[in-house]
Amino acid sequence: MGSWHIEVDRDVCIGSAVCAGTAPAYFTIGDDNRSHPVRDEVEPDEIVLACAESCPTEAITIRDAEGKQLAP
């Protein structure tokens, strides 16, 4: 299946911290009060997709190893 790539558009992120609260192993809130992925490449995990889908501004994008967008 390969790894997934996590992107956070910090221009869109409002720092709600839903992602960091839901999946702290994958997301953190930086000094700029915006979400940052802990790692850009991760093993597939449904919680990462759930975070992207629950982001209130859709600032999180998840792509598979081939670059196909999986969420949102």
PDB file of N, CA and C in Angstrom:
ATOM      1  N   MET A   1       0.821  -1.203   0.000  1.00  0.00           N
ATOM      2  CA  MET A   1       0.000   0.000   0.000  1.00  0.00           C
ATOM      3  C   MET A   1       0.858   1.257   0.000  1.00  0.00           C
ATOM      4  N   GLY A   2       2.035   1.234   0.625  1.00  0.00           N
ATOM      5  CA  GLY A   2       2.910   2.398   0.636  1.00  0.00           C
ATOM      6  C   GLY A   2       2.543   3.411   1.693  1.00  0.00           C
ATOM      7  N   SER A   3       3.379   4.416   1.810  1.00  0.00           N
ATOM      8  CA  SER A   3       3.150   5.450   2.816  1.00  0.00           C
ATOM      9  C   SER A   3       2.195   6.518   2.305  1.00  0.00           C
ATOM     10  N   TRP A   4       1.724   7.315   3.238  1.00  0.00           N
ATOM     11  CA  TRP A   4       0.863   8.458   2.920  1.00  0.00           C
ATOM     12  C   TRP A   4       1.636   9.740   3.213  1.00  0.00           C
ATOM     13  N   HIS A   5       1.341  10.766   2.442  1.00  0.00           N
ATOM     14  CA  HIS A   5       1.959  12.078   2.620  1.00  0.00           C
ATOM     15  C   HIS A   5       0.922  13.022   3.235  1.00  0.00           C
ATOM     16  N   ILE A   6       1.300  13.699   4.314  1.00  0.00           N
ATOM     17  CA  ILE A   6       0.428  14.655   4.998  1.00  0.00           C
ATOM     18  C   ILE A   6       0.888  16.061   4.650  1.00  0.00           C
ATOM     19  N   GLU A   7      -0.051  16.890   4.219  1.00  0.00           N
ATOM     20  CA  GLU A   7       0.221  18.305   3.970  1.00  0.00           C
ATOM     21  C   GLU A   7      -0.771  19.137   4.781  1.00  0.00           C
ATOM     22  N   VAL A   8      -0.287  20.232   5.342  1.00  0.00           N
ATOM     23  CA  VAL A   8      -1.159  21.191   6.021  1.00  0.00           C
ATOM     24  C   VAL A   8      -0.925  22.551   5.390  1.00  0.00           C
ATOM     25  N   ASP A   9      -1.982  23.128   4.859  1.00  0.00           N
ATOM     26  CA  ASP A   9      -1.898  24.473   4.290  1.00  0.00           C
ATOM     27  C   ASP A   9      -2.053  25.464   5.439  1.00  0.00           C
ATOM     28  N   ARG A  10      -0.943  26.008   5.887  1.00  0.00           N
ATOM     29  CA  ARG A  10      -0.976  26.899   7.044  1.00  0.00           C
ATOM     30  C   ARG A  10      -1.611  28.250   6.742  1.00  0.00           C
ATOM     31  N   ASP A  11      -1.807  28.570   5.477  1.00  0.00           N
ATOM     32  CA  ASP A  11      -2.542  29.785   5.137  1.00  0.00           C
ATOM     33  C   ASP A  11      -4.038  29.583   5.347  1.00  0.00           C
ATOM     34  N   VAL A  12      -4.475  28.328   5.321  1.00  0.00           N
ATOM     35  CA  VAL A  12      -5.893  27.996   5.483  1.00  0.00           C
ATOM     36  C   VAL A  12      -6.197  27.568   6.919  1.00  0.00           C
ATOM     37  N   CYS A  13      -5.218  26.951   7.579  1.00  0.00           N
ATOM     38  CA  CYS A  13      -5.384  26.444   8.942  1.00  0.00           C
ATOM     39  C   CYS A  13      -5.721  27.598   9.891  1.00  0.00           C
ATOM     40  N   ILE A  14      -6.715  27.360  10.758  1.00  0.00           N
ATOM     41  CA  ILE A  14      -7.089  28.372  11.753  1.00  0.00           C
ATOM     42  C   ILE A  14      -6.629  27.986  13.156  1.00  0.00           C
ATOM     43  N   GLY A  15      -5.923  26.867  13.271  1.00  0.00           N
ATOM     44  CA  GLY A  15      -5.396  26.449  14.566  1.00  0.00           C
ATOM     45  C   GLY A  15      -6.443  25.931  15.521  1.00  0.00           C
ATOM     46  N   SER A  16      -7.493  25.301  15.000  1.00  0.00           N
ATOM     47  CA  SER A  16      -8.545  24.772  15.877  1.00  0.00           C
ATOM     48  C   SER A  16      -8.034  23.637  16.752  1.00  0.00           C
ATOM     49  N   ALA A  17      -6.971  22.972  16.344  1.00  0.00           N
ATOM     50  CA  ALA A  17      -6.312  21.889  17.082  1.00  0.00           C
ATOM     51  C   ALA A  17      -7.139  20.610  17.147  1.00  0.00           C
ATOM     52  N   VAL A  18      -8.162  20.493  16.321  1.00  0.00           N
ATOM     53  CA  VAL A  18      -8.929  19.247  16.272  1.00  0.00           C
ATOM     54  C   VAL A  18      -8.005  18.095  15.894  1.00  0.00           C
ATOM     55  N   CYS A  19      -7.135  18.318  14.914  1.00  0.00           N
ATOM     56  CA  CYS A  19      -6.214  17.268  14.462  1.00  0.00           C
ATOM     57  C   CYS A  19      -5.234  16.879  15.557  1.00  0.00           C
ATOM     58  N   ALA A  20      -4.631  17.856  16.201  1.00  0.00           N
ATOM     59  CA  ALA A  20      -3.644  17.580  17.245  1.00  0.00           C
ATOM     60  C   ALA A  20      -4.296  16.919  18.452  1.00  0.00           C
ATOM     61  N   GLY A  21      -5.518  17.279  18.754  1.00  0.00           N
ATOM     62  CA  GLY A  21      -6.236  16.652  19.862  1.00  0.00           C
ATOM     63  C   GLY A  21      -6.662  15.231  19.547  1.00  0.00           C
ATOM     64  N   THR A  22      -7.006  14.991  18.296  1.00  0.00           N
ATOM     65  CA  THR A  22      -7.459  13.668  17.864  1.00  0.00           C
ATOM     66  C   THR A  22      -6.295  12.725  17.613  1.00  0.00           C
ATOM     67  N   ALA A  23      -5.244  13.224  17.005  1.00  0.00           N
ATOM     68  CA  ALA A  23      -4.123  12.375  16.600  1.00  0.00           C
ATOM     69  C   ALA A  23      -2.784  13.049  16.906  1.00  0.00           C
ATOM     70  N   PRO A  24      -2.430  13.175  18.183  1.00  0.00           N
ATOM     71  CA  PRO A  24      -1.181  13.859  18.527  1.00  0.00           C
ATOM     72  C   PRO A  24       0.075  13.148  18.024  1.00  0.00           C
ATOM     73  N   ALA A  25      -0.036  11.899  17.644  1.00  0.00           N
ATOM     74  CA  ALA A  25       1.117  11.201  17.069  1.00  0.00           C
ATOM     75  C   ALA A  25       1.410  11.694  15.661  1.00  0.00           C
ATOM     76  N   TYR A  26       0.432  12.368  15.038  1.00  0.00           N
ATOM     77  CA  TYR A  26       0.570  12.812  13.656  1.00  0.00           C
ATOM     78  C   TYR A  26       0.572  14.329  13.474  1.00  0.00           C
ATOM     79  N   PHE A  27      -0.034  15.067  14.407  1.00  0.00           N
ATOM     80  CA  PHE A  27      -0.163  16.521  14.261  1.00  0.00           C
ATOM     81  C   PHE A  27       0.206  17.226  15.552  1.00  0.00           C
ATOM     82  N   THR A  28       0.790  18.410  15.400  1.00  0.00           N
ATOM     83  CA  THR A  28       1.115  19.259  16.542  1.00  0.00           C
ATOM     84  C   THR A  28       0.756  20.699  16.171  1.00  0.00           C
ATOM     85  N   ILE A  29       0.578  21.517  17.165  1.00  0.00           N
ATOM     86  CA  ILE A  29       0.328  22.944  16.935  1.00  0.00           C
ATOM     87  C   ILE A  29       1.641  23.677  17.193  1.00  0.00           C
ATOM     88  N   GLY A  30       2.108  24.400  16.187  1.00  0.00           N
ATOM     89  CA  GLY A  30       3.385  25.092  16.271  1.00  0.00           C
ATOM     90  C   GLY A  30       3.298  26.432  16.969  1.00  0.00           C
ATOM     91  N   ASP A  31       4.435  27.081  17.069  1.00  0.00           N
ATOM     92  CA  ASP A  31       4.507  28.405  17.688  1.00  0.00           C
ATOM     93  C   ASP A  31       3.672  29.434  16.936  1.00  0.00           C
ATOM     94  N   ASP A  32       3.359  29.137  15.674  1.00  0.00           N
ATOM     95  CA  ASP A  32       2.534  30.039  14.866  1.00  0.00           C
ATOM     96  C   ASP A  32       1.043  29.783  15.053  1.00  0.00           C
ATOM     97  N   ASN A  33       0.706  28.906  16.030  1.00  0.00           N
ATOM     98  CA  ASN A  33      -0.690  28.535  16.316  1.00  0.00           C
ATOM     99  C   ASN A  33      -1.376  27.883  15.124  1.00  0.00           C
ATOM    100  N   ARG A  34      -0.610  27.171  14.331  1.00  0.00           N
ATOM    101  CA  ARG A  34      -1.133  26.439  13.181  1.00  0.00           C
ATOM    102  C   ARG A  34      -0.689  24.985  13.288  1.00  0.00           C
ATOM    103  N   SER A  35      -1.439  24.107  12.644  1.00  0.00           N
ATOM    104  CA  SER A  35      -1.121  22.687  12.651  1.00  0.00           C
ATOM    105  C   SER A  35       0.105  22.402  11.798  1.00  0.00           C
ATOM    106  N   HIS A  36       0.887  21.430  12.258  1.00  0.00           N
ATOM    107  CA  HIS A  36       2.051  20.936  11.529  1.00  0.00           C
ATOM    108  C   HIS A  36       2.033  19.418  11.632  1.00  0.00           C
ATOM    109  N   PRO A  37       2.315  18.716  10.542  1.00  0.00           N
ATOM    110  CA  PRO A  37       2.445  17.265  10.674  1.00  0.00           C
ATOM    111  C   PRO A  37       3.704  16.928  11.459  1.00  0.00           C
ATOM    112  N   VAL A  38       3.623  15.933  12.310  1.00  0.00           N
ATOM    113  CA  VAL A  38       4.796  15.485  13.056  1.00  0.00           C
ATOM    114  C   VAL A  38       5.813  14.916  12.073  1.00  0.00           C
ATOM    115  N   ARG A  39       5.316  14.172  11.074  1.00  0.00           N
ATOM    116  CA  ARG A  39       6.137  13.640   9.982  1.00  0.00           C
ATOM    117  C   ARG A  39       5.368  13.844   8.684  1.00  0.00           C
ATOM    118  N   ASP A  40       6.062  14.130   7.603  1.00  0.00           N
ATOM    119  CA  ASP A  40       5.399  14.309   6.310  1.00  0.00           C
ATOM    120  C   ASP A  40       4.921  12.983   5.729  1.00  0.00           C
ATOM    121  N   GLU A  41       5.685  11.916   5.955  1.00  0.00           N
ATOM    122  CA  GLU A  41       5.342  10.590   5.436  1.00  0.00           C
ATOM    123  C   GLU A  41       4.981   9.685   6.601  1.00  0.00           C
ATOM    124  N   VAL A  42       3.833   9.020   6.496  1.00  0.00           N
ATOM    125  CA  VAL A  42       3.373   8.131   7.564  1.00  0.00           C
ATOM    126  C   VAL A  42       2.849   6.833   6.961  1.00  0.00           C
ATOM    127  N   GLU A  43       2.800   5.822   7.783  1.00  0.00           N
ATOM    128  CA  GLU A  43       2.155   4.576   7.376  1.00  0.00           C
ATOM    129  C   GLU A  43       0.648   4.827   7.358  1.00  0.00           C
ATOM    130  N   PRO A  44      -0.076   4.184   6.461  1.00  0.00           N
ATOM    131  CA  PRO A  44      -1.521   4.389   6.393  1.00  0.00           C
ATOM    132  C   PRO A  44      -2.197   4.158   7.747  1.00  0.00           C
ATOM    133  N   ASP A  45      -3.059   5.090   8.109  1.00  0.00           N
ATOM    134  CA  ASP A  45      -3.801   5.008   9.363  1.00  0.00           C
ATOM    135  C   ASP A  45      -5.098   5.781   9.177  1.00  0.00           C
ATOM    136  N   GLU A  46      -6.202   5.136   9.460  1.00  0.00           N
ATOM    137  CA  GLU A  46      -7.523   5.746   9.252  1.00  0.00           C
ATOM    138  C   GLU A  46      -7.708   7.025  10.060  1.00  0.00           C
ATOM    139  N   ILE A  47      -7.030   7.159  11.187  1.00  0.00           N
ATOM    140  CA  ILE A  47      -7.195   8.372  11.997  1.00  0.00           C
ATOM    141  C   ILE A  47      -6.664   9.602  11.266  1.00  0.00           C
ATOM    142  N   VAL A  48      -5.658   9.419  10.420  1.00  0.00           N
ATOM    143  CA  VAL A  48      -5.121  10.531   9.632  1.00  0.00           C
ATOM    144  C   VAL A  48      -6.191  11.018   8.645  1.00  0.00           C
ATOM    145  N   LEU A  49      -6.872  10.078   8.007  1.00  0.00           N
ATOM    146  CA  LEU A  49      -7.966  10.449   7.092  1.00  0.00           C
ATOM    147  C   LEU A  49      -9.084  11.146   7.857  1.00  0.00           C
ATOM    148  N   ALA A  50      -9.402  10.633   9.042  1.00  0.00           N
ATOM    149  CA  ALA A  50     -10.463  11.238   9.855  1.00  0.00           C
ATOM    150  C   ALA A  50     -10.116  12.676  10.223  1.00  0.00           C
ATOM    151  N   CYS A  51      -8.856  12.931  10.527  1.00  0.00           N
ATOM    152  CA  CYS A  51      -8.434  14.299  10.853  1.00  0.00           C
ATOM    153  C   CYS A  51      -8.612  15.220   9.653  1.00  0.00           C
ATOM    154  N   ALA A  52      -8.210  14.751   8.488  1.00  0.00           N
ATOM    155  CA  ALA A  52      -8.357  15.571   7.278  1.00  0.00           C
ATOM    156  C   ALA A  52      -9.820  15.851   6.995  1.00  0.00           C
ATOM    157  N   GLU A  53     -10.668  14.856   7.191  1.00  0.00           N
ATOM    158  CA  GLU A  53     -12.095  15.027   6.928  1.00  0.00           C
ATOM    159  C   GLU A  53     -12.772  15.917   7.966  1.00  0.00           C
ATOM    160  N   SER A  54     -12.241  15.949   9.190  1.00  0.00           N
ATOM    161  CA  SER A  54     -12.879  16.738  10.242  1.00  0.00           C
ATOM    162  C   SER A  54     -12.299  18.138  10.395  1.00  0.00           C
ATOM    163  N   CYS A  55     -11.253  18.455   9.645  1.00  0.00           N
ATOM    164  CA  CYS A  55     -10.666  19.794   9.721  1.00  0.00           C
ATOM    165  C   CYS A  55     -11.710  20.819   9.274  1.00  0.00           C
ATOM    166  N   PRO A  56     -12.010  21.808  10.114  1.00  0.00           N
ATOM    167  CA  PRO A  56     -13.083  22.751   9.774  1.00  0.00           C
ATOM    168  C   PRO A  56     -12.798  23.613   8.541  1.00  0.00           C
ATOM    169  N   THR A  57     -11.529  23.739   8.156  1.00  0.00           N
ATOM    170  CA  THR A  57     -11.204  24.546   6.973  1.00  0.00           C
ATOM    171  C   THR A  57     -10.615  23.719   5.833  1.00  0.00           C
ATOM    172  N   GLU A  58     -10.603  22.388   6.006  1.00  0.00           N
ATOM    173  CA  GLU A  58     -10.029  21.482   5.010  1.00  0.00           C
ATOM    174  C   GLU A  58      -8.582  21.852   4.671  1.00  0.00           C
ATOM    175  N   ALA A  59      -7.819  22.196   5.710  1.00  0.00           N
ATOM    176  CA  ALA A  59      -6.417  22.580   5.524  1.00  0.00           C
ATOM    177  C   ALA A  59      -5.485  21.378   5.399  1.00  0.00           C
ATOM    178  N   ILE A  60      -5.978  20.188   5.760  1.00  0.00           N
ATOM    179  CA  ILE A  60      -5.150  18.975   5.741  1.00  0.00           C
ATOM    180  C   ILE A  60      -5.451  18.176   4.482  1.00  0.00           C
ATOM    181  N   THR A  61      -4.401  17.803   3.763  1.00  0.00           N
ATOM    182  CA  THR A  61      -4.535  16.952   2.584  1.00  0.00           C
ATOM    183  C   THR A  61      -3.702  15.703   2.793  1.00  0.00           C
ATOM    184  N   ILE A  62      -4.290  14.564   2.492  1.00  0.00           N
ATOM    185  CA  ILE A  62      -3.593  13.283   2.580  1.00  0.00           C
ATOM    186  C   ILE A  62      -3.489  12.713   1.173  1.00  0.00           C
ATOM    187  N   ARG A  63      -2.282  12.321   0.784  1.00  0.00           N
ATOM    188  CA  ARG A  63      -2.050  11.713  -0.534  1.00  0.00           C
ATOM    189  C   ARG A  63      -1.359  10.359  -0.345  1.00  0.00           C
ATOM    190  N   ASP A  64      -1.675   9.434  -1.263  1.00  0.00           N
ATOM    191  CA  ASP A  64      -1.002   8.135  -1.209  1.00  0.00           C
ATOM    192  C   ASP A  64       0.368   8.234  -1.873  1.00  0.00           C
ATOM    193  N   ALA A  65       1.077   7.129  -1.919  1.00  0.00           N
ATOM    194  CA  ALA A  65       2.447   7.114  -2.452  1.00  0.00           C
ATOM    195  C   ALA A  65       2.515   7.531  -3.912  1.00  0.00           C
ATOM    196  N   GLU A  66       1.422   7.340  -4.651  1.00  0.00           N
ATOM    197  CA  GLU A  66       1.387   7.730  -6.061  1.00  0.00           C
ATOM    198  C   GLU A  66       0.930   9.181  -6.264  1.00  0.00           C
ATOM    199  N   GLY A  67       0.577   9.862  -5.171  1.00  0.00           N
ATOM    200  CA  GLY A  67       0.153  11.249  -5.264  1.00  0.00           C
ATOM    201  C   GLY A  67      -1.337  11.441  -5.359  1.00  0.00           C
ATOM    202  N   LYS A  68      -2.102  10.362  -5.325  1.00  0.00           N
ATOM    203  CA  LYS A  68      -3.572  10.454  -5.381  1.00  0.00           C
ATOM    204  C   LYS A  68      -4.091  11.006  -4.065  1.00  0.00           C
ATOM    205  N   GLN A  69      -4.960  12.015  -4.167  1.00  0.00           N
ATOM    206  CA  GLN A  69      -5.535  12.616  -2.964  1.00  0.00           C
ATOM    207  C   GLN A  69      -6.544  11.659  -2.353  1.00  0.00           C
ATOM    208  N   LEU A  70      -6.343  11.356  -1.063  1.00  0.00           N
ATOM    209  CA  LEU A  70      -7.230  10.459  -0.335  1.00  0.00           C
ATOM    210  C   LEU A  70      -8.228  11.217   0.531  1.00  0.00           C
ATOM    211  N   ALA A  71      -7.842  12.391   1.003  1.00  0.00           N
ATOM    212  CA  ALA A  71      -8.724  13.214   1.849  1.00  0.00           C
ATOM    213  C   ALA A  71      -8.214  14.635   1.820  1.00  0.00           C
ATOM    214  N   PRO A  72      -9.013  15.640   2.024  1.00  0.00           N
ATOM    215  CA  PRO A  72     -10.474  15.513   2.114  1.00  0.00           C
ATOM    216  C   PRO A  72     -11.111  15.268   0.772  1.00  0.00           C
TER     217      PRO A  72
END
